[in-house]
């Protein structure tokens, strides 16, 4: 349970609400998290919570905006710290895994939102995040091809999809076992297999 000062500024209160939801989602189904539970986590009344958010969807939208801002900033920083597109892809992969390991509630929230019927603001925010992430991967993979590091015949779309799917696979395995730290241990070995499939010198003979 989070203990906060009673008179936080509005922005700080909204940020604390987001963090409370991420913390709750680490141990329970996000769809089961009620505004009552969020308020209790923050030691607030529901009335105090609704002074900053109109409803639960507004809270979830703020959560997804928080995730997008921090995850994209983290992978951008990781990519910028490397000397080549191939190294950048590995850095992005490990940064993404590290982010999820630090915030295990995040993938639970994302999967929960994507399973919701119909269009909702939080679901659209997830889709926007995935699109922005994919654009970055396309750019890195295309740069790797142009510099001769990655296969010239590589299907860029398929390579980007497989990259994201590989991260998701590690996440799912960790959620199943309940050991999020294991994901960080396995990430290097898993990425090495992915890299061998996309790097130059592995062109198709068909």
Protein backbone atom coordinates (compact mmCIF):
# COMPACT_ATOMS: atom_id res chain seq x y z
CA UNK A 1 0.00 0.00 0.00
CA UNK A 2 1.26 3.47 -0.95
CA UNK A 3 1.35 6.15 1.73
CA UNK A 4 1.32 9.65 0.24
CA UNK A 5 1.14 13.18 1.59
CA UNK A 6 -2.44 14.40 1.78
CA UNK A 7 -1.96 17.58 -0.26
CA UNK A 8 -0.07 16.52 -3.37
CA UNK A 9 -0.26 18.73 -6.48
CA UNK A 10 -2.66 17.42 -9.15
CA UNK A 11 0.12 16.19 -11.48
CA UNK A 12 1.83 14.34 -8.66
CA UNK A 13 -1.47 12.77 -7.58
CA UNK A 14 -2.15 11.56 -11.14
CA UNK A 15 1.36 10.13 -11.40
CA UNK A 16 0.92 8.36 -8.07
CA UNK A 17 -2.36 6.89 -9.30
CA UNK A 18 -0.66 5.47 -12.37
CA UNK A 19 2.07 3.92 -10.25
CA UNK A 20 -0.55 2.43 -7.93
CA UNK A 21 -2.33 0.75 -10.85
CA UNK A 22 0.94 -0.66 -12.22
CA UNK A 23 1.79 -2.01 -8.77
CA UNK A 24 -1.65 -3.62 -8.35
CA UNK A 25 -1.49 -5.18 -11.83
CA UNK A 26 1.73 -6.97 -10.91
CA UNK A 27 -0.20 -9.27 -8.57
CA UNK A 28 -3.75 -9.40 -9.93
CA UNK A 29 -5.82 -9.42 -13.10
CA UNK A 30 -5.98 -5.80 -14.34
CA UNK A 31 -9.62 -6.21 -15.37
CA UNK A 32 -10.44 -6.97 -11.72
CA UNK A 33 -8.80 -3.82 -10.39
CA UNK A 34 -11.55 -1.46 -9.27
CA UNK A 35 -11.39 2.22 -8.52
CA UNK A 36 -12.08 1.25 -4.92
CA UNK A 37 -8.95 -0.91 -4.89
CA UNK A 38 -6.91 1.89 -6.46
CA UNK A 39 -8.14 4.37 -3.87
CA UNK A 40 -7.37 1.92 -1.06
CA UNK A 41 -3.88 1.33 -2.46
CA UNK A 42 -3.31 5.08 -2.28
CA UNK A 43 -5.11 5.50 1.06
CA UNK A 44 -7.62 7.85 -0.55
CA UNK A 45 -11.36 7.99 -0.89
CA UNK A 46 -12.91 7.31 -4.29
CA UNK A 47 -14.11 10.90 -4.28
CA UNK A 48 -10.54 12.13 -4.01
CA UNK A 49 -9.52 9.82 -6.87
CA UNK A 50 -12.32 11.07 -9.12
CA UNK A 51 -11.21 14.65 -8.65
CA UNK A 52 -8.33 13.77 -10.98
CA UNK A 53 -9.90 11.13 -13.26
CA UNK A 54 -13.41 10.92 -14.68
CA UNK A 55 -13.56 7.11 -14.58
CA UNK A 56 -11.47 3.94 -14.69
CA UNK A 57 -10.86 4.23 -18.45
CA UNK A 58 -9.34 7.66 -17.88
CA UNK A 59 -6.99 6.10 -15.33
CA UNK A 60 -6.04 3.29 -17.73
CA UNK A 61 -5.41 5.82 -20.50
CA UNK A 62 -3.04 7.69 -18.20
CA UNK A 63 -1.32 4.38 -17.41
CA UNK A 64 -0.80 3.62 -21.10
CA UNK A 65 0.52 7.11 -21.76
CA UNK A 66 2.95 6.62 -18.88
CA UNK A 67 4.06 3.26 -20.30
CA UNK A 68 4.52 4.63 -23.82
CA UNK A 69 6.51 7.64 -22.68
CA UNK A 70 8.88 5.64 -20.51
CA UNK A 71 9.29 2.56 -22.67
CA UNK A 72 9.94 4.50 -25.88
CA UNK A 73 12.35 6.83 -24.08
CA UNK A 74 14.17 3.82 -22.67
CA UNK A 75 14.59 2.07 -26.00
CA UNK A 76 15.54 5.32 -27.76
CA UNK A 77 18.26 5.89 -25.18
CA UNK A 78 19.44 2.30 -25.56
CA UNK A 79 19.63 2.57 -29.35
CA UNK A 80 21.44 5.91 -29.20
CA UNK A 81 24.14 4.45 -26.95
CA UNK A 82 25.35 2.00 -29.62
CA UNK A 83 27.58 2.31 -32.67
CA UNK A 84 25.60 0.27 -35.21
CA UNK A 85 22.05 -0.76 -36.10
CA UNK A 86 22.72 -4.41 -35.22
CA UNK A 87 24.02 -3.43 -31.79
CA UNK A 88 21.08 -1.05 -31.41
CA UNK A 89 18.60 -3.87 -31.98
CA UNK A 90 20.19 -5.89 -29.21
CA UNK A 91 20.26 -2.88 -26.89
CA UNK A 92 16.58 -2.18 -27.58
CA UNK A 93 15.68 -5.82 -26.94
CA UNK A 94 17.48 -5.89 -23.60
CA UNK A 95 16.11 -2.48 -22.60
CA UNK A 96 12.56 -3.64 -23.30
CA UNK A 97 13.05 -6.80 -21.28
CA UNK A 98 14.56 -4.80 -18.44
CA UNK A 99 11.62 -2.40 -18.44
CA UNK A 100 9.11 -5.24 -18.17
CA UNK A 101 11.10 -6.95 -15.43
CA UNK A 102 11.07 -3.69 -13.47
CA UNK A 103 7.34 -3.16 -14.06
CA UNK A 104 5.71 -6.61 -14.27
CA UNK A 105 2.23 -5.10 -14.12
CA UNK A 106 2.71 -3.42 -17.49
CA UNK A 107 2.39 -6.48 -19.78
CA UNK A 108 -0.62 -7.65 -17.79
CA UNK A 109 -2.33 -4.30 -18.42
CA UNK A 110 -1.43 -4.30 -22.12
CA UNK A 111 -2.69 -7.83 -22.71
CA UNK A 112 -5.85 -7.05 -20.77
CA UNK A 113 -6.58 -3.95 -22.84
CA UNK A 114 -5.97 -5.70 -26.16
CA UNK A 115 -8.50 -8.38 -25.21
CA UNK A 116 -11.28 -5.88 -24.52
CA UNK A 117 -14.12 -5.86 -27.02
CA UNK A 118 -14.60 -2.71 -29.07
CA UNK A 119 -12.49 0.42 -29.23
CA UNK A 120 -11.55 2.25 -26.05
CA UNK A 121 -9.08 5.12 -25.46
CA UNK A 122 -6.67 2.85 -23.49
CA UNK A 123 -6.80 0.21 -26.25
CA UNK A 124 -6.07 2.83 -28.91
CA UNK A 125 -3.15 4.03 -26.80
CA UNK A 126 -1.74 0.48 -26.76
CA UNK A 127 -2.12 0.26 -30.55
CA UNK A 128 -0.35 3.60 -30.96
CA UNK A 129 2.50 2.40 -28.75
CA UNK A 130 2.90 -0.78 -30.79
CA UNK A 131 2.90 1.27 -34.00
CA UNK A 132 5.53 3.69 -32.71
CA UNK A 133 7.68 0.80 -31.52
CA UNK A 134 7.34 -0.93 -34.89
CA UNK A 135 8.39 2.22 -36.74
CA UNK A 136 11.59 2.36 -34.72
CA UNK A 137 12.34 -1.29 -35.46
CA UNK A 138 11.72 -0.80 -39.18
CA UNK A 139 14.19 2.08 -39.21
CA UNK A 140 16.89 0.14 -37.37
CA UNK A 141 16.48 -2.96 -39.53
CA UNK A 142 16.54 -0.93 -42.76
CA UNK A 143 19.66 0.89 -41.55
CA UNK A 144 21.26 -2.46 -40.78
CA UNK A 145 20.55 -3.63 -44.32
CA UNK A 146 21.93 -0.41 -45.82
CA UNK A 147 25.14 -0.80 -43.82
CA UNK A 148 25.54 -4.47 -44.73
CA UNK A 149 25.06 -5.77 -41.19
CA UNK A 150 21.72 -7.47 -41.84
CA UNK A 151 20.54 -9.69 -44.67
CA UNK A 152 19.80 -7.80 -47.87
CA UNK A 153 16.85 -10.14 -48.57
CA UNK A 154 15.40 -9.72 -45.08
CA UNK A 155 11.65 -9.12 -44.85
CA UNK A 156 11.70 -5.99 -42.68
CA UNK A 157 8.07 -6.29 -41.58
CA UNK A 158 8.48 -9.95 -40.63
CA UNK A 159 11.74 -9.23 -38.78
CA UNK A 160 10.08 -6.44 -36.77
CA UNK A 161 7.09 -8.65 -35.97
CA UNK A 162 9.35 -11.49 -34.85
CA UNK A 163 11.38 -9.11 -32.67
CA UNK A 164 8.27 -8.00 -30.79
CA UNK A 165 6.95 -11.55 -30.66
CA UNK A 166 10.22 -12.79 -29.16
CA UNK A 167 9.99 -10.24 -26.36
CA UNK A 168 6.36 -11.21 -25.81
CA UNK A 169 7.35 -14.87 -25.64
CA UNK A 170 9.84 -14.16 -22.88
CA UNK A 171 7.21 -12.13 -21.05
CA UNK A 172 4.62 -14.90 -21.30
CA UNK A 173 7.07 -17.53 -20.03
CA UNK A 174 7.94 -15.32 -17.07
CA UNK A 175 4.28 -14.68 -16.27
CA UNK A 176 3.55 -18.41 -16.43
CA UNK A 177 6.41 -19.29 -14.07
CA UNK A 178 5.95 -16.23 -11.89
CA UNK A 179 9.66 -15.46 -12.20
CA UNK A 180 10.10 -12.12 -13.99
CA UNK A 181 13.81 -12.01 -13.20
CA UNK A 182 14.31 -15.14 -15.31
CA UNK A 183 13.42 -13.12 -18.38
CA UNK A 184 16.55 -11.00 -17.99
CA UNK A 185 18.69 -14.13 -17.62
CA UNK A 186 17.29 -15.68 -20.81
CA UNK A 187 17.20 -12.51 -22.92
CA UNK A 188 20.82 -12.61 -24.16
CA UNK A 189 20.59 -16.23 -25.32
CA UNK A 190 17.21 -15.74 -26.96
CA UNK A 191 18.32 -12.62 -28.82
CA UNK A 192 21.42 -14.43 -30.09
CA UNK A 193 19.16 -16.91 -31.89
CA UNK A 194 17.08 -14.09 -33.39
CA UNK A 195 20.22 -12.25 -34.49
CA UNK A 196 21.63 -15.28 -36.30
CA UNK A 197 18.50 -15.32 -38.46
CA UNK A 198 18.75 -11.69 -39.59
CA UNK A 199 22.43 -10.90 -39.84
CA UNK A 200 24.35 -10.67 -43.12
CA UNK A 201 25.85 -13.90 -44.38
CA UNK A 202 22.58 -15.78 -43.75
CA UNK A 203 20.91 -14.95 -47.08
CA UNK A 204 18.36 -17.38 -48.41
CA UNK A 205 19.57 -19.79 -51.12
CA UNK A 206 16.11 -20.07 -52.69
